[in-house]
C-alpha atoms as a PDB file:
ATOM      1  CA  UNK A   1      15.536 115.225 -69.517  1.00  0.00           C
ATOM      2  CA  UNK A   2      12.945 114.275 -72.092  1.00  0.00           C
ATOM      3  CA  UNK A   3       9.664 112.718 -70.982  1.00  0.00           C
ATOM      4  CA  UNK A   4       8.994 109.377 -72.650  1.00  0.00           C
ATOM      5  CA  UNK A   5       5.333 108.636 -73.358  1.00  0.00           C
ATOM      6  CA  UNK A   6       4.098 105.537 -71.597  1.00  0.00           C
ATOM      7  CA  UNK A   7       0.875 103.587 -71.627  1.00  0.00           C
ATOM      8  CA  UNK A   8      -0.339 105.551 -68.578  1.00  0.00           C
ATOM      9  CA  UNK A   9       0.310 109.036 -69.972  1.00  0.00           C
ATOM     10  CA  UNK A  10      -2.762 110.135 -71.823  1.00  0.00           C
ATOM     11  CA  UNK A  11      -2.032 113.399 -73.641  1.00  0.00           C
ATOM     12  CA  UNK A  12      -3.871 114.332 -76.793  1.00  0.00           C
ATOM     13  CA  UNK A  13      -5.590 117.059 -78.786  1.00  0.00           C
ATOM     14  CA  UNK A  14      -9.224 116.399 -79.737  1.00  0.00           C
ATOM     15  CA  UNK A  15     -10.014 119.380 -81.975  1.00  0.00           C
ATOM     16  CA  UNK A  16     -10.798 118.879 -85.644  1.00  0.00           C
ATOM     17  CA  UNK A  17     -10.014 120.654 -88.895  1.00  0.00           C
ATOM     18  CA  UNK A  18     -13.563 121.908 -89.477  1.00  0.00           C
ATOM     19  CA  UNK A  19     -13.666 123.302 -85.936  1.00  0.00           C
ATOM     20  CA  UNK A  20     -10.341 125.041 -86.550  1.00  0.00           C
ATOM     21  CA  UNK A  21     -11.648 126.601 -89.743  1.00  0.00           C
ATOM     22  CA  UNK A  22     -14.881 127.501 -87.948  1.00  0.00           C
ATOM     23  CA  UNK A  23     -12.967 129.450 -85.288  1.00  0.00           C
ATOM     24  CA  UNK A  24     -10.211 130.901 -87.480  1.00  0.00           C
ATOM     25  CA  UNK A  25     -12.350 132.254 -90.318  1.00  0.00           C
ATOM     26  CA  UNK A  26     -14.609 134.438 -88.106  1.00  0.00           C
ATOM     27  CA  UNK A  27     -11.541 135.617 -86.177  1.00  0.00           C
ATOM     28  CA  UNK A  28      -9.853 136.647 -89.399  1.00  0.00           C
ATOM     29  CA  UNK A  29     -12.998 138.349 -90.745  1.00  0.00           C
ATOM     30  CA  UNK A  30     -13.618 140.313 -87.540  1.00  0.00           C
ATOM     31  CA  UNK A  31      -9.982 141.408 -87.422  1.00  0.00           C
ATOM     32  CA  UNK A  32     -10.055 142.614 -91.026  1.00  0.00           C
ATOM     33  CA  UNK A  33     -13.468 144.315 -90.735  1.00  0.00           C
ATOM     34  CA  UNK A  34     -12.424 146.205 -87.572  1.00  0.00           C
ATOM     35  CA  UNK A  35      -8.993 147.140 -88.971  1.00  0.00           C
ATOM     36  CA  UNK A  36      -7.281 145.090 -86.242  1.00  0.00           C
ATOM     37  CA  UNK A  37      -9.099 146.583 -83.260  1.00  0.00           C
ATOM     38  CA  UNK A  38     -10.750 143.233 -82.446  1.00  0.00           C
ATOM     39  CA  UNK A  39      -7.581 141.207 -82.975  1.00  0.00           C
ATOM     40  CA  UNK A  40      -7.361 140.432 -79.221  1.00  0.00           C
ATOM     41  CA  UNK A  41     -10.827 138.875 -79.494  1.00  0.00           C
ATOM     42  CA  UNK A  42      -9.655 136.678 -82.375  1.00  0.00           C
ATOM     43  CA  UNK A  43      -6.543 135.648 -80.456  1.00  0.00           C
ATOM     44  CA  UNK A  44      -8.458 134.662 -77.319  1.00  0.00           C
ATOM     45  CA  UNK A  45     -11.129 132.853 -79.330  1.00  0.00           C
ATOM     46  CA  UNK A  46      -8.655 130.729 -81.285  1.00  0.00           C
ATOM     47  CA  UNK A  47      -6.268 130.163 -78.384  1.00  0.00           C
ATOM     48  CA  UNK A  48      -9.202 129.185 -76.166  1.00  0.00           C
ATOM     49  CA  UNK A  49     -10.307 126.614 -78.726  1.00  0.00           C
ATOM     50  CA  UNK A  50      -6.808 125.114 -78.889  1.00  0.00           C
ATOM     51  CA  UNK A  51      -6.338 124.945 -75.127  1.00  0.00           C
ATOM     52  CA  UNK A  52      -9.855 123.710 -74.360  1.00  0.00           C
ATOM     53  CA  UNK A  53      -9.283 120.769 -76.726  1.00  0.00           C
ATOM     54  CA  UNK A  54      -5.946 119.778 -75.174  1.00  0.00           C
ATOM     55  CA  UNK A  55      -5.546 117.018 -72.578  1.00  0.00           C
ATOM     56  CA  UNK A  56      -2.184 116.584 -70.809  1.00  0.00           C
ATOM     57  CA  UNK A  57      -1.614 113.339 -68.902  1.00  0.00           C
ATOM     58  CA  UNK A  58      -5.355 112.787 -68.568  1.00  0.00           C
ATOM     59  CA  UNK A  59      -6.111 116.341 -67.403  1.00  0.00           C
ATOM     60  CA  UNK A  60      -7.967 118.706 -69.718  1.00  0.00           C
ATOM     61  CA  UNK A  61      -6.656 122.242 -69.965  1.00  0.00           C
ATOM     62  CA  UNK A  62      -8.930 125.265 -69.676  1.00  0.00           C
ATOM     63  CA  UNK A  63      -8.357 128.773 -70.988  1.00  0.00           C
ATOM     64  CA  UNK A  64      -9.913 131.543 -68.874  1.00  0.00           C
ATOM     65  CA  UNK A  65      -8.528 134.632 -70.623  1.00  0.00           C
ATOM     66  CA  UNK A  66     -10.842 137.240 -72.105  1.00  0.00           C
ATOM     67  CA  UNK A  67     -10.588 139.633 -75.010  1.00  0.00           C
ATOM     68  CA  UNK A  68     -11.201 142.571 -72.674  1.00  0.00           C
ATOM     69  CA  UNK A  69      -8.385 141.374 -70.413  1.00  0.00           C
ATOM     70  CA  UNK A  70      -6.028 141.088 -73.366  1.00  0.00           C
ATOM     71  CA  UNK A  71      -7.115 144.383 -74.942  1.00  0.00           C
ATOM     72  CA  UNK A  72      -5.529 146.513 -72.194  1.00  0.00           C
ATOM     73  CA  UNK A  73      -2.240 144.676 -72.582  1.00  0.00           C
ATOM     74  CA  UNK A  74      -2.528 144.868 -76.360  1.00  0.00           C
ATOM     75  CA  UNK A  75      -2.811 148.671 -76.241  1.00  0.00           C
ATOM     76  CA  UNK A  76       0.174 148.851 -73.877  1.00  0.00           C
ATOM     77  CA  UNK A  77       2.266 146.540 -76.064  1.00  0.00           C
ATOM     78  CA  UNK A  78       1.301 148.488 -79.201  1.00  0.00           C
ATOM     79  CA  UNK A  79       2.349 151.727 -77.477  1.00  0.00           C
ATOM     80  CA  UNK A  80       5.738 150.220 -76.563  1.00  0.00           C
ATOM     81  CA  UNK A  81       6.221 149.109 -80.174  1.00  0.00           C
ATOM     82  CA  UNK A  82       5.496 152.626 -81.431  1.00  0.00           C
ATOM     83  CA  UNK A  83       7.782 154.459 -78.986  1.00  0.00           C
ATOM     84  CA  UNK A  84      10.649 151.998 -79.536  1.00  0.00           C
ATOM     85  CA  UNK A  85      10.242 152.178 -83.325  1.00  0.00           C
ATOM     86  CA  UNK A  86       9.300 148.507 -83.470  1.00  0.00           C
ATOM     87  CA  UNK A  87      12.079 147.130 -81.285  1.00  0.00           C
ATOM     88  CA  UNK A  88       9.614 145.978 -78.596  1.00  0.00           C
ATOM     89  CA  UNK A  89       7.903 143.791 -81.190  1.00  0.00           C
ATOM     90  CA  UNK A  90      10.707 141.253 -80.686  1.00  0.00           C
ATOM     91  CA  UNK A  91       9.452 140.769 -77.103  1.00  0.00           C
ATOM     92  CA  UNK A  92       5.766 140.938 -78.025  1.00  0.00           C
ATOM     93  CA  UNK A  93       5.517 137.221 -78.814  1.00  0.00           C
ATOM     94  CA  UNK A  94       6.988 136.372 -75.406  1.00  0.00           C
ATOM     95  CA  UNK A  95       4.634 138.804 -73.639  1.00  0.00           C
ATOM     96  CA  UNK A  96       1.647 137.214 -75.384  1.00  0.00           C
ATOM     97  CA  UNK A  97       2.802 133.685 -74.501  1.00  0.00           C
ATOM     98  CA  UNK A  98       3.216 134.716 -70.848  1.00  0.00           C
ATOM     99  CA  UNK A  99      -0.319 136.157 -70.870  1.00  0.00           C
ATOM    100  CA  UNK A 100      -1.666 132.947 -72.430  1.00  0.00           C
ATOM    101  CA  UNK A 101       0.109 130.767 -69.860  1.00  0.00           C
ATOM    102  CA  UNK A 102      -1.176 132.945 -67.005  1.00  0.00           C
ATOM    103  CA  UNK A 103      -4.739 132.281 -68.182  1.00  0.00           C
ATOM    104  CA  UNK A 104      -4.384 128.520 -68.745  1.00  0.00           C
ATOM    105  CA  UNK A 105      -5.330 126.093 -65.979  1.00  0.00           C
ATOM    106  CA  UNK A 106      -6.452 122.519 -65.564  1.00  0.00           C
ATOM    107  CA  UNK A 107     -10.198 122.021 -65.931  1.00  0.00           C
ATOM    108  CA  UNK A 108     -10.231 118.882 -63.765  1.00  0.00           C
END
């Protein structure tokens, strides 16, 4: 069943293009300069910006994940990709989305 937006539902995203560029560019630069070691930091930084600027039905979302928390999983996921000759990479996106959802709450 699809939810139909009504006058009372107040869902929106309040981030801007310059903010997006301001978060994405440093994330990309740090990832490149560290040969991918700091990629979890870039992911959490950009994902945090997206979530923290999202309001669902009047309630702002909050991202409480950390790069250190993701780094341990990242190493584990990378290991699984190596030992399965890349097959685990098909599940990597799902594992990352589950981690993101686990660290997303309502701020209010």
